[in-house]
C-alpha atoms as a PDB file:
ATOM      1  CA  MET A   1      -6.228 -47.987  -2.832  1.00  0.00           C
ATOM      2  CA  THR A   2      -3.431 -48.064  -0.566  1.00  0.00           C
ATOM      3  CA  LYS A   3      -2.011 -45.846   2.235  1.00  0.00           C
ATOM      4  CA  SER A   4       0.577 -44.591  -0.119  1.00  0.00           C
ATOM      5  CA  ASN A   5      -1.729 -43.480  -2.859  1.00  0.00           C
ATOM      6  CA  THR A   6      -3.855 -41.599  -0.351  1.00  0.00           C
ATOM      7  CA  ARG A   7      -0.220 -39.454   1.289  1.00  0.00           C
ATOM      8  CA  LEU A   8       0.451 -39.538  -3.027  1.00  0.00           C
ATOM      9  CA  TYR A   9      -2.641 -37.627  -3.676  1.00  0.00           C
ATOM     10  CA  ALA A  10      -2.308 -35.465  -0.247  1.00  0.00           C
ATOM     11  CA  VAL A  11       1.427 -34.422  -1.381  1.00  0.00           C
ATOM     12  CA  LEU A  12       0.351 -33.476  -4.945  1.00  0.00           C
ATOM     13  CA  CYS A  13      -2.265 -31.085  -3.309  1.00  0.00           C
ATOM     14  CA  ALA A  14      -0.047 -29.133  -1.047  1.00  0.00           C
ATOM     15  CA  ALA A  15       2.435 -29.591  -4.043  1.00  0.00           C
ATOM     16  CA  LEU A  16      -0.186 -27.458  -6.092  1.00  0.00           C
ATOM     17  CA  LEU A  17      -0.604 -24.436  -3.688  1.00  0.00           C
ATOM     18  CA  ALA A  18       3.491 -24.875  -2.071  1.00  0.00           C
ATOM     19  CA  THR A  19       4.091 -23.117  -5.963  1.00  0.00           C
ATOM     20  CA  SER A  20       1.552 -21.205  -6.779  1.00  0.00           C
ATOM     21  CA  ALA A  21       1.812 -18.618  -4.813  1.00  0.00           C
ATOM     22  CA  HIS A  22       6.060 -17.852  -4.420  1.00  0.00           C
ATOM     23  CA  ALA A  23       5.558 -19.996  -1.253  1.00  0.00           C
ATOM     24  CA  GLU A  24       8.010 -21.305   0.738  1.00  0.00           C
ATOM     25  CA  LYS A  25      10.089 -23.770  -1.545  1.00  0.00           C
ATOM     26  CA  ALA A  26      11.361 -25.792   1.473  1.00  0.00           C
ATOM     27  CA  ASP A  27       7.403 -26.662   2.735  1.00  0.00           C
ATOM     28  CA  ARG A  28       8.468 -29.088   0.017  1.00  0.00           C
ATOM     29  CA  ASP A  29      10.568 -31.157   1.288  1.00  0.00           C
ATOM     30  CA  LYS A  30       7.777 -31.002   4.711  1.00  0.00           C
ATOM     31  CA  PRO A  31       5.878 -33.899   5.922  1.00  0.00           C
ATOM     32  CA  VAL A  32       1.985 -33.582   4.490  1.00  0.00           C
ATOM     33  CA  ASN A  33      -0.258 -33.727   7.191  1.00  0.00           C
ATOM     34  CA  LEU A  34      -4.177 -34.035   5.810  1.00  0.00           C
ATOM     35  CA  GLU A  35      -7.315 -34.069   8.307  1.00  0.00           C
ATOM     36  CA  ALA A  36     -10.877 -35.070   7.059  1.00  0.00           C
ATOM     37  CA  ASP A  37     -14.320 -36.142   7.851  1.00  0.00           C
ATOM     38  CA  THR A  38     -14.255 -38.543   5.480  1.00  0.00           C
ATOM     39  CA  VAL A  39     -11.683 -39.590   2.407  1.00  0.00           C
ATOM     40  CA  THR A  40     -13.139 -41.424  -1.399  1.00  0.00           C
ATOM     41  CA  LEU A  41     -10.763 -42.935  -3.362  1.00  0.00           C
ATOM     42  CA  ASP A  42     -11.430 -43.757  -6.760  1.00  0.00           C
ATOM     43  CA  ASP A  43      -8.079 -46.006  -8.254  1.00  0.00           C
ATOM     44  CA  ILE A  44      -9.587 -46.206 -11.505  1.00  0.00           C
ATOM     45  CA  LYS A  45     -10.426 -42.485 -12.305  1.00  0.00           C
ATOM     46  CA  LYS A  46      -7.487 -41.053 -10.523  1.00  0.00           C
ATOM     47  CA  ILE A  47      -9.945 -39.040  -8.241  1.00  0.00           C
ATOM     48  CA  SER A  48      -9.744 -38.571  -4.464  1.00  0.00           C
ATOM     49  CA  VAL A  49     -12.548 -36.603  -2.433  1.00  0.00           C
ATOM     50  CA  TYR A  50     -11.875 -35.616   0.758  1.00  0.00           C
ATOM     51  CA  GLN A  51     -15.159 -33.881   2.887  1.00  0.00           C
ATOM     52  CA  GLY A  52     -16.196 -32.129   5.772  1.00  0.00           C
ATOM     53  CA  ASN A  53     -13.862 -29.823   7.918  1.00  0.00           C
ATOM     54  CA  VAL A  54     -10.658 -30.557   5.406  1.00  0.00           C
ATOM     55  CA  VAL A  55      -7.142 -28.912   6.955  1.00  0.00           C
ATOM     56  CA  LEU A  56      -4.354 -29.922   4.791  1.00  0.00           C
ATOM     57  CA  SER A  57      -0.911 -28.859   5.835  1.00  0.00           C
ATOM     58  CA  GLN A  58       2.820 -29.140   5.148  1.00  0.00           C
ATOM     59  CA  GLY A  59       5.177 -26.936   6.553  1.00  0.00           C
ATOM     60  CA  THR A  60       3.887 -23.417   6.666  1.00  0.00           C
ATOM     61  CA  LEU A  61       1.385 -24.157   4.332  1.00  0.00           C
ATOM     62  CA  MET A  62      -1.776 -24.038   5.613  1.00  0.00           C
ATOM     63  CA  LEU A  63      -4.836 -24.972   4.015  1.00  0.00           C
ATOM     64  CA  ARG A  64      -8.841 -25.319   4.857  1.00  0.00           C
ATOM     65  CA  ALA A  65     -12.146 -26.197   3.045  1.00  0.00           C
ATOM     66  CA  ASP A  66     -15.141 -27.986   2.978  1.00  0.00           C
ATOM     67  CA  ARG A  67     -14.349 -29.954   0.339  1.00  0.00           C
ATOM     68  CA  VAL A  68     -11.590 -30.805  -2.067  1.00  0.00           C
ATOM     69  CA  GLN A  69     -11.154 -33.174  -4.882  1.00  0.00           C
ATOM     70  CA  VAL A  70      -7.543 -34.266  -6.591  1.00  0.00           C
ATOM     71  CA  THR A  71      -7.390 -35.102  -9.853  1.00  0.00           C
ATOM     72  CA  GLN A  72      -4.613 -36.930 -11.411  1.00  0.00           C
ATOM     73  CA  ASN A  73      -3.263 -37.444 -14.594  1.00  0.00           C
ATOM     74  CA  ALA A  74      -0.743 -39.546 -16.713  1.00  0.00           C
ATOM     75  CA  ASP A  75       1.878 -36.938 -15.747  1.00  0.00           C
ATOM     76  CA  GLY A  76       0.809 -36.692 -12.068  1.00  0.00           C
ATOM     77  CA  LEU A  77      -1.126 -33.563 -11.010  1.00  0.00           C
ATOM     78  CA  ASP A  78      -3.785 -32.245 -13.174  1.00  0.00           C
ATOM     79  CA  LYS A  79      -6.465 -30.519 -11.253  1.00  0.00           C
ATOM     80  CA  VAL A  80      -7.254 -29.349  -8.085  1.00  0.00           C
ATOM     81  CA  SER A  81     -11.019 -28.553  -6.555  1.00  0.00           C
ATOM     82  CA  ALA A  82     -11.775 -26.910  -2.630  1.00  0.00           C
ATOM     83  CA  ILE A  83     -14.777 -25.827  -1.813  1.00  0.00           C
ATOM     84  CA  GLY A  84     -15.520 -23.918   2.291  1.00  0.00           C
ATOM     85  CA  ARG A  85     -17.411 -21.077   3.732  1.00  0.00           C
ATOM     86  CA  PRO A  86     -14.663 -19.441   2.395  1.00  0.00           C
ATOM     87  CA  VAL A  87     -11.948 -21.967   1.390  1.00  0.00           C
ATOM     88  CA  ALA A  88      -8.629 -20.190   3.325  1.00  0.00           C
ATOM     89  CA  PHE A  89      -4.898 -20.966   2.516  1.00  0.00           C
ATOM     90  CA  ARG A  90      -2.436 -19.675   4.229  1.00  0.00           C
ATOM     91  CA  GLN A  91       1.316 -20.092   3.267  1.00  0.00           C
ATOM     92  CA  LYS A  92       4.752 -18.598   4.018  1.00  0.00           C
ATOM     93  CA  THR A  93       6.616 -16.877   1.077  1.00  0.00           C
ATOM     94  CA  ASP A  94      10.359 -17.082   0.658  1.00  0.00           C
ATOM     95  CA  SER A  95      10.975 -13.034   1.496  1.00  0.00           C
ATOM     96  CA  GLY A  96      11.203 -13.455   4.819  1.00  0.00           C
ATOM     97  CA  ASP A  97       8.208 -13.377   7.514  1.00  0.00           C
ATOM     98  CA  GLU A  98       6.085 -12.197   5.129  1.00  0.00           C
ATOM     99  CA  PHE A  99       2.685 -14.755   4.608  1.00  0.00           C
ATOM    100  CA  ILE A 100       0.080 -15.115   1.153  1.00  0.00           C
ATOM    101  CA  GLU A 101      -3.571 -15.781   2.299  1.00  0.00           C
ATOM    102  CA  GLY A 102      -6.008 -16.439   0.233  1.00  0.00           C
ATOM    103  CA  PHE A 103      -9.680 -16.636   0.303  1.00  0.00           C
ATOM    104  CA  ALA A 104     -12.802 -17.603  -1.649  1.00  0.00           C
ATOM    105  CA  ASP A 105     -15.732 -19.746  -1.850  1.00  0.00           C
ATOM    106  CA  ARG A 106     -13.769 -21.733  -4.386  1.00  0.00           C
ATOM    107  CA  ILE A 107     -10.211 -22.371  -5.335  1.00  0.00           C
ATOM    108  CA  GLU A 108      -9.098 -24.024  -8.580  1.00  0.00           C
ATOM    109  CA  TYR A 109      -5.658 -25.454  -9.634  1.00  0.00           C
ATOM    110  CA  ASP A 110      -4.669 -27.042 -12.799  1.00  0.00           C
ATOM    111  CA  GLY A 111      -1.445 -28.327 -12.542  1.00  0.00           C
ATOM    112  CA  VAL A 112      -0.834 -28.455 -16.462  1.00  0.00           C
ATOM    113  CA  THR A 113      -0.910 -24.563 -16.341  1.00  0.00           C
ATOM    114  CA  SER A 114      -0.447 -23.877 -12.559  1.00  0.00           C
ATOM    115  CA  GLN A 115      -2.925 -21.830 -13.317  1.00  0.00           C
ATOM    116  CA  LEU A 116      -4.858 -20.670  -9.881  1.00  0.00           C
ATOM    117  CA  GLU A 117      -8.222 -19.327  -9.517  1.00  0.00           C
ATOM    118  CA  LEU A 118     -10.062 -18.215  -6.261  1.00  0.00           C
ATOM    119  CA  ILE A 119     -13.910 -17.825  -7.056  1.00  0.00           C
ATOM    120  CA  GLY A 120     -16.245 -16.377  -5.508  1.00  0.00           C
ATOM    121  CA  GLN A 121     -15.448 -13.695  -2.821  1.00  0.00           C
ATOM    122  CA  ALA A 122     -12.252 -13.651  -3.767  1.00  0.00           C
ATOM    123  CA  ARG A 123      -9.441 -11.695  -1.109  1.00  0.00           C
ATOM    124  CA  LEU A 124      -5.585 -12.597  -2.196  1.00  0.00           C
ATOM    125  CA  ARG A 125      -3.750 -10.657   0.846  1.00  0.00           C
ATOM    126  CA  ARG A 126       0.498 -10.672   0.657  1.00  0.00           C
ATOM    127  CA  GLY A 127       2.214  -9.003   3.809  1.00  0.00           C
ATOM    128  CA  SER A 128       0.143  -5.974   4.098  1.00  0.00           C
ATOM    129  CA  ASP A 129      -1.115  -5.553   0.501  1.00  0.00           C
ATOM    130  CA  GLU A 130      -4.904  -6.660  -0.576  1.00  0.00           C
ATOM    131  CA  LEU A 131      -6.940  -8.221  -3.565  1.00  0.00           C
ATOM    132  CA  HIS A 132     -10.702  -8.074  -3.631  1.00  0.00           C
ATOM    133  CA  GLY A 133     -13.162  -9.300  -6.349  1.00  0.00           C
ATOM    134  CA  ALA A 134     -15.303 -11.852  -7.678  1.00  0.00           C
ATOM    135  CA  GLN A 135     -12.643 -13.936  -9.284  1.00  0.00           C
ATOM    136  CA  ILE A 136      -8.786 -13.302  -8.347  1.00  0.00           C
ATOM    137  CA  SER A 137      -6.418 -15.654 -11.767  1.00  0.00           C
ATOM    138  CA  TYR A 138      -2.365 -15.954 -11.038  1.00  0.00           C
ATOM    139  CA  ASN A 139      -0.351 -18.313 -13.051  1.00  0.00           C
ATOM    140  CA  ALA A 140       2.184 -18.974 -11.445  1.00  0.00           C
ATOM    141  CA  ASN A 141       4.305 -20.047 -14.171  1.00  0.00           C
ATOM    142  CA  THR A 142       4.392 -16.523 -15.906  1.00  0.00           C
ATOM    143  CA  GLY A 143       3.707 -14.722 -12.148  1.00  0.00           C
ATOM    144  CA  PHE A 144       0.795 -12.666 -13.548  1.00  0.00           C
ATOM    145  CA  TYR A 145      -2.309 -11.214 -11.801  1.00  0.00           C
ATOM    146  CA  LYS A 146      -5.760 -10.323 -13.078  1.00  0.00           C
ATOM    147  CA  VAL A 147      -8.821  -9.534 -10.734  1.00  0.00           C
ATOM    148  CA  VAL A 148     -12.618  -9.326 -12.070  1.00  0.00           C
ATOM    149  CA  GLY A 149     -15.004  -7.854 -10.646  1.00  0.00           C
ATOM    150  CA  GLN A 150     -18.448  -8.150 -11.041  1.00  0.00           C
ATOM    151  CA  PRO A 151     -20.226  -8.225 -13.926  1.00  0.00           C
ATOM    152  CA  ASN A 152     -22.041  -4.765 -14.767  1.00  0.00           C
ATOM    153  CA  ALA A 153     -21.486  -4.175 -10.855  1.00  0.00           C
ATOM    154  CA  GLN A 154     -23.111  -0.688  -9.873  1.00  0.00           C
ATOM    155  CA  THR A 155     -21.768  -1.136  -6.484  1.00  0.00           C
ATOM    156  CA  PRO A 156     -18.541  -0.285  -4.883  1.00  0.00           C
ATOM    157  CA  SER A 157     -18.137  -3.778  -3.192  1.00  0.00           C
ATOM    158  CA  GLY A 158     -19.105  -6.013  -6.754  1.00  0.00           C
ATOM    159  CA  ARG A 159     -16.304  -3.934  -8.093  1.00  0.00           C
ATOM    160  CA  VAL A 160     -12.682  -4.567  -7.809  1.00  0.00           C
ATOM    161  CA  ARG A 161     -10.855  -2.805  -4.752  1.00  0.00           C
ATOM    162  CA  ALA A 162      -7.119  -3.372  -4.342  1.00  0.00           C
ATOM    163  CA  VAL A 163      -5.091  -1.938  -1.200  1.00  0.00           C
ATOM    164  CA  ILE A 164      -1.231  -0.940  -1.371  1.00  0.00           C
ATOM    165  CA  ARG A 165      -0.327   0.096   1.247  1.00  0.00           C
ATOM    166  CA  PRO A 166       3.280   1.796   1.523  1.00  0.00           C
ATOM    167  CA  LYS A 167       6.222   0.055   2.250  1.00  0.00           C
ATOM    168  CA  PRO A 168       8.443   0.985   5.677  1.00  0.00           C
ATOM    169  CA  HIS A 169      11.205   2.736   5.189  1.00  0.00           C
ATOM    170  CA  THR A 170      14.333   2.943   7.765  1.00  0.00           C
ATOM    171  CA  PRO A 171      15.344   5.107  10.225  1.00  0.00           C
ATOM    172  CA  GLY A 172      18.126   7.636   8.727  1.00  0.00           C
ATOM    173  CA  GLN A 173      17.333   6.494   5.303  1.00  0.00           C
ATOM    174  CA  PRO A 174      15.470   9.039   3.479  1.00  0.00           C
ATOM    175  CA  ALA A 175      12.119   7.829   1.998  1.00  0.00           C
ATOM    176  CA  THR A 176      11.671   7.968  -1.534  1.00  0.00           C
ATOM    177  CA  LYS A 177      10.914  10.237  -4.061  1.00  0.00           C
ATOM    178  CA  PRO A 178       8.504   9.568  -6.656  1.00  0.00           C
END
């Protein structure tokens, strides 16, 4: 497989995360930097696997994982799967200096449906707000989130947890009333 195909796979992987989290749009035009201990490319099956301390960056996007697999279909990006302890990503959002950060044992992305799944000890943090659960699903097309706890959880650690912090108000302006 050629260097241009390797770069294409890296760009597609970065594009996945850039579109999935209302991320900074300017990142899409930045170069992709990818580091891994090994890379395996299968041009016939359109699968590339990056293993060992995988670091992918593009603009403000940073993804760290133990293993990242990218699959293409006839239209381009099909699926991305990242595994780690944990997989972590961080990216600046379009809304100023706020960042979105995600952590999970596994992150799956379906490029056809724009569905992002954080699976296993999933955490998502945007600014000072946080979501915790066994699995967090996010659809970039609809902006819909779903957080699932452990089935039949008997302890607080197995249940869904959300922390929504009050937003600071400007001094001199009255706080909004409920």
